[in-house]
Protein backbone atom coordinates (compact mmCIF):
# COMPACT_ATOMS: atom_id res chain seq x y z
CA MET A 1 22.77 37.07 67.76
CA VAL A 2 19.99 35.50 69.92
CA GLU A 3 20.45 38.21 72.58
CA ILE A 4 20.15 40.98 69.91
CA ILE A 5 16.91 39.37 68.70
CA GLN A 6 15.53 39.29 72.23
CA GLY A 7 16.63 42.95 72.52
CA LEU A 8 14.33 43.67 69.48
CA TYR A 9 11.53 41.75 71.01
CA ASP A 10 11.61 43.86 74.08
CA VAL A 11 11.57 47.20 72.07
CA LEU A 12 8.57 45.94 70.09
CA GLY A 13 6.93 44.76 72.84
CA VAL A 14 6.77 41.18 71.50
CA GLN A 15 6.36 38.79 74.31
CA GLY A 16 8.47 35.36 74.15
CA THR A 17 12.03 34.41 74.61
CA ALA A 18 14.22 34.46 71.38
CA ASN A 19 15.75 31.03 70.47
CA MET A 20 17.92 29.44 67.67
CA GLY A 21 14.59 28.94 65.30
CA ASP A 22 14.16 32.87 65.37
CA LEU A 23 17.74 33.33 64.49
CA PHE A 24 17.42 30.79 61.52
CA GLY A 25 14.29 32.57 60.28
CA VAL A 26 15.81 36.17 60.50
CA VAL A 27 19.07 34.93 58.47
CA SER A 28 16.59 33.09 55.82
CA THR A 29 14.78 36.48 55.36
CA LEU A 30 18.11 38.46 54.95
CA PHE A 31 19.25 35.93 52.56
CA LEU A 32 16.23 36.27 50.38
CA LEU A 33 15.97 39.78 50.45
CA ILE A 34 19.69 40.28 49.57
CA SER A 35 19.31 37.78 46.68
CA GLY A 36 16.42 39.89 45.43
CA VAL A 37 18.17 43.01 45.42
CA LEU A 38 21.20 41.66 43.73
CA GLN A 39 18.77 40.44 40.93
CA PHE A 40 17.01 43.65 40.49
CA ILE A 41 20.50 45.46 40.01
CA SER A 42 21.69 42.72 37.43
CA SER A 43 18.70 43.20 35.29
CA GLY A 44 19.27 46.93 34.81
CA GLY A 45 16.40 48.34 37.41
CA LYS A 46 13.87 46.51 35.21
CA ALA A 47 11.25 44.21 37.08
CA LEU A 48 11.32 40.80 35.73
CA PRO A 49 7.82 39.52 34.53
CA ALA A 50 6.21 36.51 35.98
CA PRO A 51 5.87 33.38 33.80
CA SER A 52 2.73 33.34 31.72
CA GLU A 53 1.41 31.25 28.99
CA GLU A 54 3.08 33.78 26.52
CA THR A 55 6.46 33.83 28.01
CA SER A 56 6.40 30.12 29.08
CA PRO A 57 9.47 28.30 27.74
CA SER A 58 7.13 25.36 26.55
CA LYS A 59 5.66 27.49 23.92
CA LYS A 60 7.73 28.98 21.11
CA GLU A 61 7.14 32.61 19.98
CA GLU A 62 6.03 32.82 16.57
CA VAL A 63 8.50 35.04 14.56
CA PRO A 64 7.16 36.43 11.44
CA SER A 65 9.41 35.57 8.20
CA GLN A 66 11.15 38.28 6.26
CA GLU A 67 8.92 37.61 3.30
CA ALA A 68 6.10 38.49 5.83
CA GLU A 69 7.69 41.53 7.40
CA GLU A 70 8.06 42.75 3.73
CA LYS A 71 4.51 42.34 2.96
CA VAL A 72 3.57 44.48 6.11
CA GLU A 73 5.90 47.25 5.11
CA LYS A 74 4.38 47.11 1.38
CA ALA A 75 0.74 46.88 2.57
CA SER A 76 1.30 49.71 5.15
CA VAL A 77 2.67 51.98 2.38
CA GLU A 78 -0.29 51.21 0.30
CA GLY A 79 -2.80 51.76 3.42
CA VAL A 80 -3.83 48.16 2.99
CA PRO A 81 -4.26 46.50 6.80
CA VAL A 82 -2.38 43.13 6.95
CA THR A 83 -1.84 40.75 9.81
CA ILE A 84 1.55 39.04 10.43
CA ALA A 85 0.18 35.73 11.43
CA GLU A 86 0.89 34.27 7.87
CA GLU A 87 2.84 31.35 7.59
CA THR A 88 4.98 30.51 4.74
CA VAL A 89 4.52 26.86 3.51
CA VAL A 90 7.52 25.24 2.40
CA GLU A 91 6.83 22.23 0.06
CA THR A 92 8.99 19.41 0.35
CA LYS A 93 9.44 17.37 -2.58
CA VAL A 94 9.50 13.51 -2.31
CA ASP A 95 11.52 11.53 -4.73
CA VAL A 96 8.70 8.90 -6.08
CA VAL A 97 10.41 5.78 -7.11
CA PRO A 98 9.41 4.74 -10.73
CA TRP A 99 6.96 1.81 -11.04
CA SER A 100 9.68 0.30 -13.34
CA GLU A 101 12.29 0.08 -10.54
CA ARG A 102 9.81 -0.90 -7.68
CA LEU A 103 8.86 -3.81 -9.96
CA LYS A 104 12.35 -4.77 -10.65
CA LYS A 105 12.98 -4.72 -6.85
CA GLY A 106 10.11 -6.86 -6.27
CA LEU A 107 10.97 -9.37 -8.85
CA SER A 108 14.69 -9.44 -7.60
CA ARG A 109 14.60 -12.84 -5.80
CA SER A 110 13.24 -14.55 -8.93
CA ARG A 111 15.62 -12.92 -10.83
CA SER A 112 18.73 -13.92 -8.83
CA GLN A 113 17.81 -17.41 -7.67
CA VAL A 114 16.24 -18.72 -10.87
CA TRP A 115 16.95 -16.78 -14.22
CA GLY A 116 20.21 -15.46 -13.11
CA LYS A 117 21.39 -18.71 -12.60
CA LEU A 118 20.25 -20.14 -15.72
CA GLY A 119 22.02 -17.54 -17.49
CA GLY A 120 25.20 -18.34 -16.17
CA LEU A 121 25.22 -21.89 -17.58
CA PHE A 122 25.56 -20.57 -20.94
CA GLN A 123 28.78 -20.11 -22.20
CA GLY A 124 28.47 -20.95 -26.10
CA LYS A 125 29.89 -24.52 -25.52
CA GLY A 126 26.48 -26.40 -25.52
CA LEU A 127 25.15 -28.03 -22.47
CA THR A 128 26.06 -31.15 -20.42
CA ASP A 129 23.67 -33.56 -18.95
CA ASP A 130 24.32 -32.30 -15.57
CA GLN A 131 23.54 -28.73 -16.76
CA LEU A 132 20.39 -29.88 -18.45
CA GLU A 133 19.43 -31.41 -15.38
CA GLU A 134 19.94 -28.29 -13.34
CA ILE A 135 18.05 -26.20 -15.86
CA GLU A 136 15.13 -28.40 -15.12
CA GLU A 137 15.29 -27.95 -11.52
CA LEU A 138 15.57 -24.31 -11.63
CA LEU A 139 12.49 -23.99 -14.09
CA TYR A 140 10.48 -26.22 -11.50
CA SER A 141 11.83 -24.20 -8.51
CA ALA A 142 10.21 -21.30 -10.06
CA ASP A 143 6.80 -22.89 -10.59
CA ILE A 144 7.13 -22.42 -14.33
CA GLY A 145 5.01 -25.37 -14.87
CA PRO A 146 5.91 -28.91 -16.26
CA GLN A 147 4.66 -28.33 -19.90
CA THR A 148 6.28 -25.00 -20.33
CA ALA A 149 9.67 -26.36 -18.48
CA MET A 150 9.80 -29.20 -20.97
CA GLU A 151 9.20 -27.08 -24.03
CA LEU A 152 11.84 -24.62 -22.67
CA THR A 153 14.34 -27.16 -22.02
CA GLU A 154 14.14 -28.49 -25.46
CA ALA A 155 14.63 -25.26 -27.06
CA LEU A 156 17.41 -24.35 -24.91
CA THR A 157 19.40 -27.75 -25.80
CA GLU A 158 19.15 -26.76 -29.42
CA LYS A 159 20.02 -23.09 -29.00
CA ALA A 160 23.01 -23.77 -26.63
CA LYS A 161 24.95 -25.53 -29.49
CA GLU A 162 25.31 -22.20 -31.22
CA ALA A 163 28.82 -20.96 -30.62
CA ASP A 164 27.98 -17.44 -29.65
CA PHE A 165 24.93 -18.32 -27.21
CA GLY A 166 25.94 -16.61 -24.06
CA GLU A 167 23.91 -15.14 -21.09
CA LYS A 168 23.14 -12.24 -22.92
CA GLU A 169 21.70 -14.46 -25.98
CA PHE A 170 19.85 -16.51 -23.36
CA LYS A 171 18.10 -13.38 -21.84
CA ALA A 172 16.90 -12.34 -25.18
CA PHE A 173 15.90 -15.85 -26.31
CA LEU A 174 13.94 -16.36 -23.02
CA PHE A 175 12.17 -13.05 -23.57
CA ASP A 176 11.04 -14.00 -26.85
CA PHE A 177 9.89 -17.20 -25.81
CA LEU A 178 7.79 -16.24 -22.99
CA LYS A 179 6.39 -13.25 -24.98
CA THR A 180 5.28 -15.33 -27.67
CA ARG A 181 3.27 -17.63 -25.39
CA LEU A 182 1.72 -14.81 -23.24
CA ALA A 183 1.27 -11.80 -25.62
CA PRO A 184 -1.89 -13.26 -27.32
CA ILE A 185 -3.61 -13.98 -24.02
CA GLN A 186 -2.63 -10.71 -22.32
CA ALA A 187 -4.35 -8.80 -25.33
CA ASP A 188 -7.52 -9.95 -23.96
CA VAL A 189 -7.50 -7.50 -21.01
CA ASP A 190 -10.47 -5.08 -20.67
CA PRO A 191 -8.75 -1.58 -20.75
CA THR A 192 -11.93 -0.08 -18.59
CA LEU A 193 -10.33 -2.23 -15.71
CA TYR A 194 -7.56 0.25 -15.76
CA ASP A 195 -8.96 3.47 -17.14
CA PHE A 196 -12.48 5.02 -16.52
CA ASP A 197 -14.25 5.77 -19.72
CA GLU A 198 -16.20 9.21 -19.18
CA SER A 199 -18.21 8.51 -22.23
CA LYS A 200 -19.61 5.25 -20.27
CA LYS A 201 -20.35 7.30 -16.94
CA GLY A 202 -23.14 5.91 -14.88
CA GLN A 203 -23.22 2.54 -16.76
CA THR A 204 -22.23 0.22 -13.59
CA LYS A 205 -19.38 -2.21 -14.36
CA VAL A 206 -19.58 -5.20 -11.56
CA ILE A 207 -16.17 -6.49 -10.54
CA MET A 208 -16.18 -9.54 -8.26
CA VAL A 209 -13.23 -10.25 -6.43
CA VAL A 210 -12.32 -13.82 -5.47
CA GLY A 211 -9.49 -15.64 -3.80
CA VAL A 212 -8.41 -17.82 -0.69
CA ASN A 213 -7.93 -16.19 2.60
CA GLY A 214 -4.48 -14.37 3.08
CA ALA A 215 -4.19 -13.61 -0.81
CA GLY A 216 -4.62 -9.92 -0.25
CA LYS A 217 -8.37 -9.60 -1.76
CA THR A 218 -9.26 -6.80 0.77
CA THR A 219 -6.20 -4.83 0.44
CA THR A 220 -6.41 -5.04 -3.45
CA ILE A 221 -10.05 -4.04 -3.61
CA GLY A 222 -9.34 -0.88 -1.47
CA LYS A 223 -6.31 0.11 -3.98
CA LEU A 224 -8.56 -0.49 -6.89
CA ALA A 225 -11.24 1.73 -5.41
CA THR A 226 -8.70 4.37 -4.69
CA LYS A 227 -7.25 4.12 -8.47
CA LEU A 228 -10.78 4.48 -10.14
CA THR A 229 -12.16 7.22 -7.61
CA GLN A 230 -8.91 9.20 -8.23
CA GLN A 231 -9.98 9.23 -12.07
CA GLY A 232 -13.17 10.49 -11.14
CA ALA A 233 -15.52 7.47 -11.33
CA LYS A 234 -18.10 6.81 -8.48
CA VAL A 235 -17.67 3.53 -6.81
CA VAL A 236 -19.56 1.28 -4.60
CA VAL A 237 -18.09 -1.52 -2.87
CA GLY A 238 -20.00 -4.62 -1.45
CA ALA A 239 -18.30 -6.19 1.61
CA CYS A 240 -19.37 -9.48 1.03
CA ASP A 241 -17.06 -11.25 3.38
CA THR A 242 -19.66 -11.15 6.55
CA PHE A 243 -17.59 -14.05 8.32
CA ARG A 244 -14.54 -11.71 9.07
CA ALA A 245 -15.48 -8.62 11.03
CA ALA A 246 -11.80 -7.45 10.88
CA ALA A 247 -11.90 -7.54 7.00
CA VAL A 248 -14.95 -5.59 6.69
CA ASP A 249 -13.51 -2.95 9.05
CA GLN A 250 -10.13 -2.74 7.08
CA LEU A 251 -12.28 -2.52 3.75
CA GLN A 252 -14.25 0.24 5.31
CA VAL A 253 -11.06 2.31 6.36
CA TRP A 254 -9.96 2.14 2.64
CA CYS A 255 -13.41 3.10 1.12
CA ASP A 256 -13.36 6.18 3.53
CA ARG A 257 -9.97 7.30 2.38
CA ALA A 258 -11.00 6.58 -1.41
CA GLY A 259 -14.28 8.45 -1.24
CA ALA A 260 -16.11 5.29 -2.30
CA THR A 261 -19.61 4.06 -0.78
CA MET A 262 -19.48 0.91 0.93
CA ILE A 263 -22.33 -1.53 1.70
CA ARG A 264 -22.08 -3.85 4.55
CA ALA A 265 -24.38 -5.86 6.63
CA LYS A 266 -24.34 -7.66 10.03
CA GLU A 267 -21.37 -10.48 10.71
CA GLY A 268 -22.62 -13.88 9.34
CA ALA A 269 -25.31 -12.36 7.14
CA ASN A 270 -25.93 -13.85 3.52
CA PRO A 271 -22.96 -12.95 1.18
CA SER A 272 -25.13 -13.20 -1.57
CA GLY A 273 -27.69 -10.62 -0.13
CA VAL A 274 -24.86 -8.06 0.61
CA GLY A 275 -23.67 -8.46 -2.89
CA PHE A 276 -27.37 -8.14 -4.57
CA ASP A 277 -27.72 -5.03 -2.17
CA ALA A 278 -24.54 -3.46 -3.09
CA LEU A 279 -25.30 -3.74 -6.76
CA GLN A 280 -28.82 -2.44 -6.31
CA LYS A 281 -27.18 0.73 -4.56
CA ALA A 282 -24.86 1.15 -7.58
CA ILE A 283 -27.39 0.92 -10.20
CA SER A 284 -29.79 3.38 -8.23
CA GLU A 285 -26.94 6.03 -7.44
CA LYS A 286 -25.64 5.43 -11.43
CA ALA A 287 -22.12 4.40 -10.02
CA ASP A 288 -19.50 3.63 -12.34
CA TYR A 289 -18.04 0.44 -10.66
CA CYS A 290 -19.64 -2.00 -8.30
CA ILE A 291 -16.53 -3.94 -6.61
CA LEU A 292 -17.59 -7.01 -4.68
CA ASP A 293 -15.39 -8.51 -2.02
CA THR A 294 -16.05 -12.19 -1.15
CA ALA A 295 -15.30 -14.58 1.65
CA GLY A 296 -12.06 -16.20 1.41
CA ARG A 297 -12.71 -19.59 -0.11
CA LEU A 298 -10.45 -22.79 0.05
CA HIS A 299 -10.57 -24.10 -3.30
CA THR A 300 -10.89 -27.90 -2.14
CA LYS A 301 -14.10 -27.16 -0.53
CA GLY A 302 -16.81 -27.71 -2.69
CA ASN A 303 -19.68 -26.45 -0.70
CA LEU A 304 -18.02 -23.08 -0.26
CA MET A 305 -17.24 -22.63 -4.00
CA ASP A 306 -20.62 -23.40 -4.86
CA GLU A 307 -21.46 -20.41 -2.27
CA LEU A 308 -19.51 -18.27 -4.65
CA ALA A 309 -21.27 -19.46 -7.98
CA LYS A 310 -24.52 -18.62 -6.14
CA SER A 311 -23.11 -14.98 -5.42
CA LYS A 312 -22.32 -14.62 -8.86
CA ASN A 313 -25.93 -15.82 -10.12
CA VAL A 314 -27.80 -13.60 -7.89
CA LEU A 315 -26.35 -10.37 -9.43
CA LYS A 316 -28.02 -11.49 -12.75
CA LYS A 317 -31.36 -10.77 -11.29
CA LEU A 318 -30.28 -6.85 -11.70
CA ASP A 319 -28.06 -7.23 -14.56
CA GLU A 320 -27.95 -10.19 -16.93
CA THR A 321 -24.38 -9.25 -17.90
CA ALA A 322 -23.14 -9.00 -14.23
CA PRO A 323 -20.50 -9.39 -13.24
CA HIS A 324 -18.57 -8.07 -16.12
CA HIS A 325 -15.27 -9.39 -14.58
CA VAL A 326 -14.21 -12.10 -12.22
CA LEU A 327 -10.70 -11.44 -10.87
CA LEU A 328 -8.79 -13.80 -9.04
CA VAL A 329 -6.02 -12.46 -6.26
CA ILE A 330 -3.00 -14.50 -6.25
CA ASP A 331 -0.30 -14.70 -3.55
CA ALA A 332 3.01 -15.40 -5.84
CA ILE A 333 4.33 -17.04 -2.65
CA THR A 334 2.23 -19.98 -2.86
CA GLY A 335 3.83 -21.16 -6.19
CA GLN A 336 2.66 -24.39 -7.54
CA ASN A 337 -0.33 -24.32 -5.30
CA ALA A 338 -1.68 -21.11 -7.04
CA ILE A 339 -1.92 -22.91 -10.19
CA ARG A 340 -4.39 -25.46 -8.54
CA GLN A 341 -6.44 -22.54 -6.77
CA ALA A 342 -6.64 -20.75 -10.33
CA GLU A 343 -7.90 -23.98 -11.96
CA GLU A 344 -10.81 -24.53 -9.23
CA PHE A 345 -12.02 -21.09 -9.22
CA HIS A 346 -11.83 -20.78 -13.12
CA LYS A 347 -13.75 -23.93 -13.14
CA THR A 348 -16.56 -22.55 -11.01
CA LEU A 349 -16.58 -18.93 -11.71
CA GLU A 350 -15.04 -18.58 -15.05
CA LEU A 351 -12.31 -16.28 -14.39
CA SER A 352 -11.60 -13.04 -16.81
CA GLY A 353 -8.66 -11.94 -15.13
CA LEU A 354 -5.65 -12.45 -12.36
CA ILE A 355 -4.20 -10.13 -9.79
CA PHE A 356 -0.80 -11.36 -8.75
CA THR A 357 0.15 -9.95 -5.10
CA LYS A 358 3.07 -9.92 -2.91
CA CYS A 359 5.58 -10.06 -5.70
CA ASP A 360 8.03 -8.80 -3.39
CA GLY A 361 9.59 -11.40 -1.53
CA SER A 362 9.29 -14.75 -3.71
CA SER A 363 11.23 -16.65 -6.28
CA LYS A 364 7.80 -18.07 -7.37
CA ALA A 365 6.99 -15.49 -9.79
CA GLY A 366 7.13 -18.09 -12.58
CA SER A 367 3.87 -19.38 -11.65
CA ALA A 368 2.19 -16.61 -13.39
CA VAL A 369 3.52 -17.72 -16.70
CA SER A 370 2.25 -21.12 -16.04
CA ILE A 371 -1.36 -19.98 -14.91
CA VAL A 372 -1.72 -17.77 -18.15
CA GLN A 373 -0.66 -20.56 -20.40
CA SER A 374 -2.94 -23.20 -18.71
CA LEU A 375 -6.20 -21.11 -18.14
CA LYS A 376 -5.68 -18.84 -21.17
CA VAL A 377 -6.70 -16.07 -18.65
CA PRO A 378 -4.66 -12.59 -18.41
CA ILE A 379 -3.13 -11.05 -15.78
CA THR A 380 -4.69 -7.75 -15.15
CA TYR A 381 -2.90 -6.05 -12.15
CA ILE A 382 0.53 -6.93 -10.25
CA GLY A 383 1.21 -5.79 -6.65
CA VAL A 384 4.72 -5.57 -5.21
CA GLY A 385 3.94 -3.88 -1.88
CA GLU A 386 1.58 -2.49 0.47
CA SER A 387 0.65 1.22 -0.76
CA VAL A 388 -1.58 1.99 -3.65
CA GLU A 389 1.18 2.86 -5.89
CA ASP A 390 2.48 -0.54 -5.32
CA LEU A 391 -0.59 -2.22 -7.48
CA ASN A 392 -0.23 -1.41 -11.05
CA ASN A 393 -1.65 -2.47 -14.53
CA PHE A 394 0.28 -5.67 -15.54
CA ASN A 395 2.46 -4.89 -18.66
CA LEU A 396 4.12 -8.19 -20.02
CA ASP A 397 7.07 -6.29 -21.62
CA GLU A 398 7.81 -4.50 -18.32
CA TYR A 399 7.23 -7.88 -16.06
CA LEU A 400 9.59 -9.84 -18.46
CA ASP A 401 12.33 -7.16 -18.43
CA ALA A 402 12.32 -6.91 -14.58
CA LEU A 403 12.03 -10.71 -14.45
CA LEU A 404 15.29 -11.14 -16.70
CA ASP A 405 17.20 -7.76 -16.08
CA MET A 406 17.32 -7.20 -19.91
CA ASN A 407 19.26 -3.90 -19.37
């Protein structure tokens, strides 16, 4: 083969001596030529297009739906110009879990570890001393409070003597016992906290939200702002927790999503001044609600609690009736400590309502009963999760039904 190539060189007048490298090059060229011919034959004589953006496998070709094609055919008959680039949107329905089910799930631990165990002790045969002791321990573990626990134990001792007093009768008795003590206090909740009254549009309601660090204040305020703006209310939020930049940034995200106006200041600014500016803005723009976040305060620190009292009093320079609501956010997990928190905040600020958060992983939900009874302050909202839908109006019957599993 080398001699044949050398002969071609001589005929063509190419100077040089053929070698094995030339032979390899000729063979490779012949192979590529033959492969191209075979591919051309297999494609039916049609040349293959070069890859481009339109034919690249990385992009999917949009194929008109049958519905779109029918529209085009119909339009072509009627002489109406129509383009096929029309997408058919398929709506996927997401099953929303009812609030009653979410609440029941959130209180499941409290129900199973406390109230369920209590119900199992009643068999219509009275109570032994050991059973009475167990009842007291379970009530204290639920942070129901010493006064309520004592009253409940005494009442149960008498009821248990009845021959037909079993678990079902125990639940019904407990439902009525708790409702009788809580219902009169819960009746004092201002409905404007839940529902925006169009007839009072532009009359700014000031809601001051307080609580210790980690209770969920910032998230709760974001949820409240969202719920109110969704009803058509104009909301201004004051980021008065000027000591935690992360909390302010988090609140900004919530306000942006809700369509609420947020007033913020530089880190370390005077919290009272931010609250004053926020209310001034709300009044000038005739906002319906002015919600004020506050720095998380340990209830054991007197000077910090005094700062909260100052923030509250500063608002009265703009509106003598402000704040119209002072709501304490309480983490249900804190249990007995939550009672002490509530007492100190109430002493300093005269609370008008409570918001219970994180009722989705604790057996301490009974502390709500004790706090309401001792302070005579109603629960306004209860939270069982992170989303907006997981914060809802507190309904006493729903709460007791979920806590005791009355169904």
